[in-house]
C-alpha atoms as a PDB file:
ATOM      1  CA  MET A   1    -139.074 144.078  -5.046  1.00  0.00           C
ATOM      2  CA  ARG A   2    -137.558 143.155  -1.887  1.00  0.00           C
ATOM      3  CA  ASP A   3    -140.668 141.445  -0.649  1.00  0.00           C
ATOM      4  CA  ASP A   4    -140.497 139.399  -4.166  1.00  0.00           C
ATOM      5  CA  ILE A   5    -136.959 138.240  -3.549  1.00  0.00           C
ATOM      6  CA  LEU A   6    -137.713 137.267   0.071  1.00  0.00           C
ATOM      7  CA  GLN A   7    -140.738 135.293  -1.142  1.00  0.00           C
ATOM      8  CA  ALA A   8    -138.716 133.697  -3.566  1.00  0.00           C
ATOM      9  CA  LEU A   9    -135.979 132.764  -1.187  1.00  0.00           C
ATOM     10  CA  LEU A  10    -138.528 131.267   1.154  1.00  0.00           C
ATOM     11  CA  GLU A  11    -140.664 129.418  -1.406  1.00  0.00           C
ATOM     12  CA  SER A  12    -137.578 128.005  -3.622  1.00  0.00           C
ATOM     13  CA  GLY A  13    -137.803 124.230  -4.041  1.00  0.00           C
ATOM     14  CA  THR A  14    -140.692 122.150  -2.509  1.00  0.00           C
ATOM     15  CA  LEU A  15    -139.750 122.597   1.155  1.00  0.00           C
ATOM     16  CA  THR A  16    -140.290 125.264   3.321  1.00  0.00           C
ATOM     17  CA  LEU A  17    -137.591 127.310   5.237  1.00  0.00           C
ATOM     18  CA  PRO A  18    -138.559 125.357   8.731  1.00  0.00           C
ATOM     19  CA  ASP A  19    -138.359 122.131   7.086  1.00  0.00           C
ATOM     20  CA  ILE A  20    -134.993 123.113   5.519  1.00  0.00           C
ATOM     21  CA  LEU A  21    -133.577 124.272   8.857  1.00  0.00           C
ATOM     22  CA  LEU A  22    -134.918 121.112  10.661  1.00  0.00           C
ATOM     23  CA  ARG A  23    -133.191 118.835   8.556  1.00  0.00           C
ATOM     24  CA  ILE A  24    -129.888 120.602   8.236  1.00  0.00           C
ATOM     25  CA  LEU A  25    -129.938 121.220  12.090  1.00  0.00           C
ATOM     26  CA  ALA A  26    -130.673 117.536  12.810  1.00  0.00           C
ATOM     27  CA  SER A  27    -127.981 116.635  10.639  1.00  0.00           C
ATOM     28  CA  ALA A  28    -125.667 118.950  13.075  1.00  0.00           C
ATOM     29  CA  VAL A  29    -127.007 117.682  16.129  1.00  0.00           C
ATOM     30  CA  ILE A  30    -126.497 113.865  15.595  1.00  0.00           C
ATOM     31  CA  SER A  31    -123.160 114.536  14.053  1.00  0.00           C
ATOM     32  CA  GLY A  32    -122.350 115.491  17.648  1.00  0.00           C
ATOM     33  CA  ALA A  33    -122.705 111.828  18.441  1.00  0.00           C
ATOM     34  CA  ILE A  34    -120.513 110.682  15.881  1.00  0.00           C
ATOM     35  CA  TYR A  35    -117.903 113.216  17.168  1.00  0.00           C
ATOM     36  CA  LEU A  36    -118.140 111.939  20.674  1.00  0.00           C
ATOM     37  CA  SER A  37    -117.908 108.424  19.493  1.00  0.00           C
ATOM     38  CA  TYR A  38    -114.731 108.944  17.240  1.00  0.00           C
ATOM     39  CA  TRP A  39    -113.174 111.046  20.155  1.00  0.00           C
ATOM     40  CA  TYR A  40    -113.737 108.236  22.919  1.00  0.00           C
ATOM     41  CA  THR A  41    -112.400 105.224  20.565  1.00  0.00           C
ATOM     42  CA  HIS A  42    -109.528 106.695  19.079  1.00  0.00           C
ATOM     43  CA  THR A  43    -106.361 107.377  21.233  1.00  0.00           C
ATOM     44  CA  GLY A  44    -102.688 108.066  20.318  1.00  0.00           C
ATOM     45  CA  THR A  45    -101.546 109.085  17.009  1.00  0.00           C
ATOM     46  CA  ALA A  46    -104.385 107.378  15.688  1.00  0.00           C
ATOM     47  CA  TYR A  47    -106.678 110.142  16.935  1.00  0.00           C
ATOM     48  CA  SER A  48    -106.960 113.226  14.395  1.00  0.00           C
ATOM     49  CA  LYS A  49    -108.945 116.380  15.566  1.00  0.00           C
ATOM     50  CA  ARG A  50    -109.167 117.602  12.020  1.00  0.00           C
ATOM     51  CA  PHE A  51    -110.801 114.243  10.559  1.00  0.00           C
ATOM     52  CA  ASN A  52    -113.228 114.321  13.668  1.00  0.00           C
ATOM     53  CA  VAL A  53    -114.422 117.734  12.671  1.00  0.00           C
ATOM     54  CA  SER A  54    -114.588 116.756   8.895  1.00  0.00           C
ATOM     55  CA  LEU A  55    -117.115 114.051   9.952  1.00  0.00           C
ATOM     56  CA  VAL A  56    -119.266 116.661  11.622  1.00  0.00           C
ATOM     57  CA  THR A  57    -119.233 118.798   8.399  1.00  0.00           C
ATOM     58  CA  LEU A  58    -119.505 115.750   6.176  1.00  0.00           C
ATOM     59  CA  THR A  59    -123.093 114.817   7.952  1.00  0.00           C
ATOM     60  CA  ILE A  60    -123.912 118.406   7.469  1.00  0.00           C
ATOM     61  CA  LEU A  61    -123.131 118.400   3.843  1.00  0.00           C
ATOM     62  CA  THR A  62    -124.612 115.097   3.162  1.00  0.00           C
ATOM     63  CA  GLY A  63    -128.132 116.344   4.844  1.00  0.00           C
ATOM     64  CA  THR A  64    -127.865 119.555   2.944  1.00  0.00           C
ATOM     65  CA  VAL A  65    -127.484 117.798  -0.503  1.00  0.00           C
ATOM     66  CA  MET A  66    -130.013 115.183   0.006  1.00  0.00           C
ATOM     67  CA  THR A  67    -132.206 118.273   1.227  1.00  0.00           C
ATOM     68  CA  VAL A  68    -131.858 119.717  -2.296  1.00  0.00           C
ATOM     69  CA  ILE A  69    -132.222 116.553  -4.263  1.00  0.00           C
ATOM     70  CA  GLY A  70    -135.278 115.154  -2.364  1.00  0.00           C
ATOM     71  CA  ASN A  71    -137.310 113.083  -4.776  1.00  0.00           C
ATOM     72  CA  ASN A  72    -136.226 114.838  -8.011  1.00  0.00           C
ATOM     73  CA  VAL A  73    -134.633 112.048 -10.086  1.00  0.00           C
ATOM     74  CA  ALA A  74    -133.204 114.374 -12.686  1.00  0.00           C
ATOM     75  CA  LEU A  75    -131.357 116.315 -10.082  1.00  0.00           C
ATOM     76  CA  SER A  76    -130.251 113.423  -8.116  1.00  0.00           C
ATOM     77  CA  LEU A  77    -128.507 112.203 -11.323  1.00  0.00           C
ATOM     78  CA  GLY A  78    -126.963 115.540 -11.919  1.00  0.00           C
ATOM     79  CA  MET A  79    -125.686 115.848  -8.615  1.00  0.00           C
ATOM     80  CA  VAL A  80    -124.086 112.394  -8.928  1.00  0.00           C
ATOM     81  CA  GLY A  81    -122.432 113.430 -12.108  1.00  0.00           C
ATOM     82  CA  ALA A  82    -120.959 116.624 -10.506  1.00  0.00           C
ATOM     83  CA  LEU A  83    -119.589 114.833  -7.400  1.00  0.00           C
ATOM     84  CA  SER A  84    -118.090 112.331  -9.342  1.00  0.00           C
ATOM     85  CA  ILE A  85    -114.999 114.699 -10.392  1.00  0.00           C
ATOM     86  CA  VAL A  86    -114.116 114.866  -6.900  1.00  0.00           C
ATOM     87  CA  ARG A  87    -110.976 112.634  -5.940  1.00  0.00           C
ATOM     88  CA  PHE A  88    -110.082 111.821  -2.390  1.00  0.00           C
ATOM     89  CA  ARG A  89    -106.482 111.430  -1.537  1.00  0.00           C
ATOM     90  CA  THR A  90    -106.538 111.586   2.112  1.00  0.00           C
ATOM     91  CA  ALA A  91    -104.742 108.477   3.744  1.00  0.00           C
ATOM     92  CA  ILE A  92    -106.921 106.430   6.396  1.00  0.00           C
ATOM     93  CA  LYS A  93    -104.784 105.940   9.355  1.00  0.00           C
ATOM     94  CA  ASP A  94    -107.232 103.570  10.889  1.00  0.00           C
ATOM     95  CA  SER A  95    -109.589 100.935   9.421  1.00  0.00           C
ATOM     96  CA  ARG A  96    -112.128 102.390  11.774  1.00  0.00           C
ATOM     97  CA  ASP A  97    -112.185 105.490  10.145  1.00  0.00           C
ATOM     98  CA  THR A  98    -114.044 103.937   6.984  1.00  0.00           C
ATOM     99  CA  THR A  99    -116.841 103.042   9.347  1.00  0.00           C
ATOM    100  CA  TYR A 100    -117.301 106.638  10.704  1.00  0.00           C
ATOM    101  CA  ILE A 101    -117.297 108.119   7.034  1.00  0.00           C
ATOM    102  CA  PHE A 102    -119.949 105.886   6.185  1.00  0.00           C
ATOM    103  CA  TRP A 103    -121.834 106.777   9.476  1.00  0.00           C
ATOM    104  CA  ALA A 104    -121.656 110.306   8.762  1.00  0.00           C
ATOM    105  CA  ILE A 105    -122.977 110.044   5.204  1.00  0.00           C
ATOM    106  CA  ILE A 106    -125.635 107.670   6.115  1.00  0.00           C
ATOM    107  CA  VAL A 107    -126.830 110.077   8.854  1.00  0.00           C
ATOM    108  CA  GLY A 108    -126.915 112.942   6.543  1.00  0.00           C
ATOM    109  CA  ILE A 109    -128.853 111.079   3.887  1.00  0.00           C
ATOM    110  CA  CYS A 110    -131.460 109.945   6.771  1.00  0.00           C
ATOM    111  CA  CYS A 111    -131.662 113.643   7.910  1.00  0.00           C
ATOM    112  CA  GLY A 112    -131.751 114.972   4.461  1.00  0.00           C
ATOM    113  CA  VAL A 113    -134.903 112.967   3.575  1.00  0.00           C
ATOM    114  CA  GLY A 114    -136.521 113.690   6.767  1.00  0.00           C
ATOM    115  CA  ASP A 115    -136.336 110.203   8.315  1.00  0.00           C
ATOM    116  CA  PHE A 116    -135.093 111.275  11.536  1.00  0.00           C
ATOM    117  CA  ARG A 117    -136.222 108.283  13.553  1.00  0.00           C
ATOM    118  CA  VAL A 118    -134.024 105.907  11.331  1.00  0.00           C
ATOM    119  CA  ALA A 119    -131.005 108.384  12.180  1.00  0.00           C
ATOM    120  CA  GLY A 120    -131.658 108.478  15.727  1.00  0.00           C
ATOM    121  CA  VAL A 121    -132.173 104.629  16.047  1.00  0.00           C
ATOM    122  CA  GLY A 122    -129.298 103.825  13.963  1.00  0.00           C
ATOM    123  CA  THR A 123    -126.787 106.323  15.626  1.00  0.00           C
ATOM    124  CA  ALA A 124    -127.872 105.155  19.089  1.00  0.00           C
ATOM    125  CA  VAL A 125    -127.279 101.283  18.133  1.00  0.00           C
ATOM    126  CA  VAL A 126    -123.615 102.212  16.616  1.00  0.00           C
ATOM    127  CA  PHE A 127    -122.513 104.607  19.223  1.00  0.00           C
ATOM    128  CA  ALA A 128    -123.481 101.771  21.879  1.00  0.00           C
ATOM    129  CA  ALA A 129    -121.571  99.018  19.881  1.00  0.00           C
ATOM    130  CA  LEU A 130    -118.706 101.296  19.319  1.00  0.00           C
ATOM    131  CA  LEU A 131    -118.719 102.581  22.908  1.00  0.00           C
ATOM    132  CA  LEU A 132    -118.620  98.599  23.900  1.00  0.00           C
ATOM    133  CA  LEU A 133    -115.973  97.771  21.160  1.00  0.00           C
ATOM    134  CA  GLY A 134    -114.592 100.801  19.695  1.00  0.00           C
ATOM    135  CA  ARG A 135    -111.221 100.745  22.130  1.00  0.00           C
ATOM    136  CA  VAL A 136    -110.567  97.165  21.092  1.00  0.00           C
ATOM    137  CA  GLN A 137    -106.921  96.923  19.582  1.00  0.00           C
ATOM    138  CA  ASN A 138    -104.969  94.244  18.166  1.00  0.00           C
ATOM    139  CA  GLU A 139    -102.156  93.234  20.441  1.00  0.00           C
ATOM    140  CA  ASN A 140     -99.039  94.982  19.744  1.00  0.00           C
ATOM    141  CA  ARG A 141     -96.214  92.858  18.237  1.00  0.00           C
ATOM    142  CA  VAL A 142     -92.548  92.871  19.100  1.00  0.00           C
ATOM    143  CA  LEU A 143     -89.694  92.792  16.635  1.00  0.00           C
ATOM    144  CA  LEU A 144     -86.503  91.125  17.412  1.00  0.00           C
ATOM    145  CA  ILE A 145     -83.740  92.470  15.208  1.00  0.00           C
ATOM    146  CA  LEU A 146     -80.301  90.622  15.170  1.00  0.00           C
ATOM    147  CA  ARG A 147     -77.181  90.903  13.246  1.00  0.00           C
ATOM    148  CA  CYS A 148     -74.457  88.471  13.614  1.00  0.00           C
ATOM    149  CA  SER A 149     -71.835  86.345  11.949  1.00  0.00           C
ATOM    150  CA  LYS A 150     -72.856  83.683   9.650  1.00  0.00           C
ATOM    151  CA  GLU A 151     -71.338  80.952  11.535  1.00  0.00           C
ATOM    152  CA  LYS A 152     -73.576  82.028  14.574  1.00  0.00           C
ATOM    153  CA  CYS A 153     -76.563  82.271  12.714  1.00  0.00           C
ATOM    154  CA  LEU A 154     -77.969  78.889  13.246  1.00  0.00           C
ATOM    155  CA  GLU A 155     -77.055  78.846  16.909  1.00  0.00           C
ATOM    156  CA  ALA A 156     -78.869  82.227  17.447  1.00  0.00           C
ATOM    157  CA  GLU A 157     -82.267  80.952  15.592  1.00  0.00           C
ATOM    158  CA  GLY A 158     -82.069  77.950  18.172  1.00  0.00           C
ATOM    159  CA  LEU A 159     -81.409  80.207  21.236  1.00  0.00           C
ATOM    160  CA  ILE A 160     -84.174  82.513  20.221  1.00  0.00           C
ATOM    161  CA  PHE A 161     -86.708  79.583  19.529  1.00  0.00           C
ATOM    162  CA  ARG A 162     -85.791  78.000  22.738  1.00  0.00           C
ATOM    163  CA  TYR A 163     -86.070  81.404  24.546  1.00  0.00           C
ATOM    164  CA  PHE A 164     -89.515  82.293  23.310  1.00  0.00           C
ATOM    165  CA  GLN A 165     -90.579  78.709  23.411  1.00  0.00           C
ATOM    166  CA  GLY A 166     -91.157  78.613  19.695  1.00  0.00           C
ATOM    167  CA  LYS A 167     -93.760  81.800  19.494  1.00  0.00           C
ATOM    168  CA  ALA A 168     -90.853  84.104  17.622  1.00  0.00           C
ATOM    169  CA  VAL A 169     -91.396  83.652  14.129  1.00  0.00           C
ATOM    170  CA  LEU A 170     -88.479  84.218  11.738  1.00  0.00           C
ATOM    171  CA  LYS A 171     -89.924  87.107   9.115  1.00  0.00           C
ATOM    172  CA  VAL A 172     -86.626  88.408   7.376  1.00  0.00           C
ATOM    173  CA  LYS A 173     -83.329  86.772   6.801  1.00  0.00           C
ATOM    174  CA  ASN A 174     -80.570  88.797   4.954  1.00  0.00           C
ATOM    175  CA  THR A 175     -77.296  87.418   4.449  1.00  0.00           C
ATOM    176  CA  THR A 176     -73.905  88.289   3.133  1.00  0.00           C
ATOM    177  CA  ALA A 177     -70.657  86.446   2.596  1.00  0.00           C
ATOM    178  CA  GLU A 178     -69.764  86.846   6.285  1.00  0.00           C
ATOM    179  CA  SER A 179     -72.850  88.024   8.293  1.00  0.00           C
ATOM    180  CA  ALA A 180     -76.614  87.638   8.590  1.00  0.00           C
ATOM    181  CA  GLU A 181     -79.436  89.837   9.567  1.00  0.00           C
ATOM    182  CA  LEU A 182     -82.418  88.142  11.164  1.00  0.00           C
ATOM    183  CA  ILE A 183     -85.759  89.826  11.981  1.00  0.00           C
ATOM    184  CA  PHE A 184     -88.021  87.816  14.396  1.00  0.00           C
ATOM    185  CA  GLU A 185     -91.622  88.776  15.030  1.00  0.00           C
ATOM    186  CA  MET A 186     -93.642  87.674  18.291  1.00  0.00           C
ATOM    187  CA  PRO A 187     -96.432  88.800  20.444  1.00  0.00           C
ATOM    188  CA  ARG A 188     -96.310  91.110  23.144  1.00  0.00           C
ATOM    189  CA  SER A 189     -97.362  88.273  25.594  1.00  0.00           C
ATOM    190  CA  ALA A 190     -94.191  86.114  24.475  1.00  0.00           C
ATOM    191  CA  TYR A 191     -91.811  89.066  25.185  1.00  0.00           C
ATOM    192  CA  SER A 192     -93.527  89.414  28.701  1.00  0.00           C
ATOM    193  CA  VAL A 193     -92.114  86.245  29.658  1.00  0.00           C
ATOM    194  CA  THR A 194     -88.641  87.197  29.198  1.00  0.00           C
ATOM    195  CA  TYR A 195     -89.063  89.268  32.597  1.00  0.00           C
ATOM    196  CA  LYS A 196     -89.430  85.851  34.527  1.00  0.00           C
ATOM    197  CA  LYS A 197     -86.209  84.541  32.925  1.00  0.00           C
ATOM    198  CA  ASP A 198     -82.922  84.662  34.891  1.00  0.00           C
ATOM    199  CA  GLN A 199     -81.154  86.008  31.887  1.00  0.00           C
ATOM    200  CA  ASP A 200     -81.967  88.548  29.577  1.00  0.00           C
ATOM    201  CA  ILE A 201     -82.347  87.674  25.950  1.00  0.00           C
ATOM    202  CA  MET A 202     -79.903  90.095  24.751  1.00  0.00           C
ATOM    203  CA  GLU A 203     -77.244  89.095  27.369  1.00  0.00           C
ATOM    204  CA  ALA A 204     -77.781  85.533  25.895  1.00  0.00           C
ATOM    205  CA  LEU A 205     -77.350  86.704  22.363  1.00  0.00           C
ATOM    206  CA  TYR A 206     -74.061  88.634  23.145  1.00  0.00           C
ATOM    207  CA  GLY A 207     -73.120  85.382  25.077  1.00  0.00           C
ATOM    208  CA  LEU A 208     -72.927  83.657  21.554  1.00  0.00           C
ATOM    209  CA  GLY A 209     -70.207  85.635  20.471  1.00  0.00           C
ATOM    210  CA  GLY A 210     -70.119  86.958  16.901  1.00  0.00           C
ATOM    211  CA  VAL A 211     -73.130  89.223  17.531  1.00  0.00           C
ATOM    212  CA  GLU A 212     -72.831  92.678  16.045  1.00  0.00           C
ATOM    213  CA  TYR A 213     -76.079  94.253  17.458  1.00  0.00           C
ATOM    214  CA  ALA A 214     -79.402  92.986  18.677  1.00  0.00           C
ATOM    215  CA  ASN A 215     -82.565  95.385  19.099  1.00  0.00           C
ATOM    216  CA  MET A 216     -85.815  95.068  20.157  1.00  0.00           C
ATOM    217  CA  VAL A 217     -88.628  97.177  18.725  1.00  0.00           C
ATOM    218  CA  THR A 218     -92.413  97.476  19.688  1.00  0.00           C
ATOM    219  CA  GLN A 219     -94.513  97.375  16.460  1.00  0.00           C
ATOM    220  CA  SER A 220     -98.236  98.770  16.458  1.00  0.00           C
ATOM    221  CA  ASP A 221    -100.931  99.310  14.291  1.00  0.00           C
ATOM    222  CA  GLU A 222    -100.923 103.144  14.473  1.00  0.00           C
ATOM    223  CA  ILE A 223     -99.648 104.891  11.215  1.00  0.00           C
ATOM    224  CA  THR A 224     -97.976 108.471  12.021  1.00  0.00           C
ATOM    225  CA  GLY A 225     -98.729 111.048   9.601  1.00  0.00           C
END
């Protein structure tokens, strides 16, 4: 009886146990490159250890599913129907995370069907591309938030326009009967020019009179969760 059960386990499906182990282990090994690439290209709050581990397990699970499906069309349709009930609600912090998800799935598919050459070459090319370009980031933007009396509104706008040489763009203007709140956006390079000025922009604004507050805020693309 025990021998029959062992034989049934070893001969289940069209693949032998060594073939199954090879495909799943190949998924696990190549997922290590995905793990290293994600770790290298993400910094600060954009990096999530749990998401990085999920990429490894996603690769292995995809390889396992493709090993089960093989060339069985009926089984593949049934698997698609079963997986269609899954709904993902995890927020993507970085647009690059979508690339890593597709990368993990594609590697799992290639390893699951036994095409290790495609999985290896594709992973090497993507890894090299992300190694060179993965740390490229958008330039952080600086927001200048100003609240002043309505009479000083135009004068403050003109001062900011001249001070930053037209690179400060007015994004929001909220007004009441007595005051106005202005929000300007500018690239970090434009704000860096202020260090070469004789007078700080805050001092210049408060020198106009009628300014309740003026704040500088750095805006980045990272999303904290």
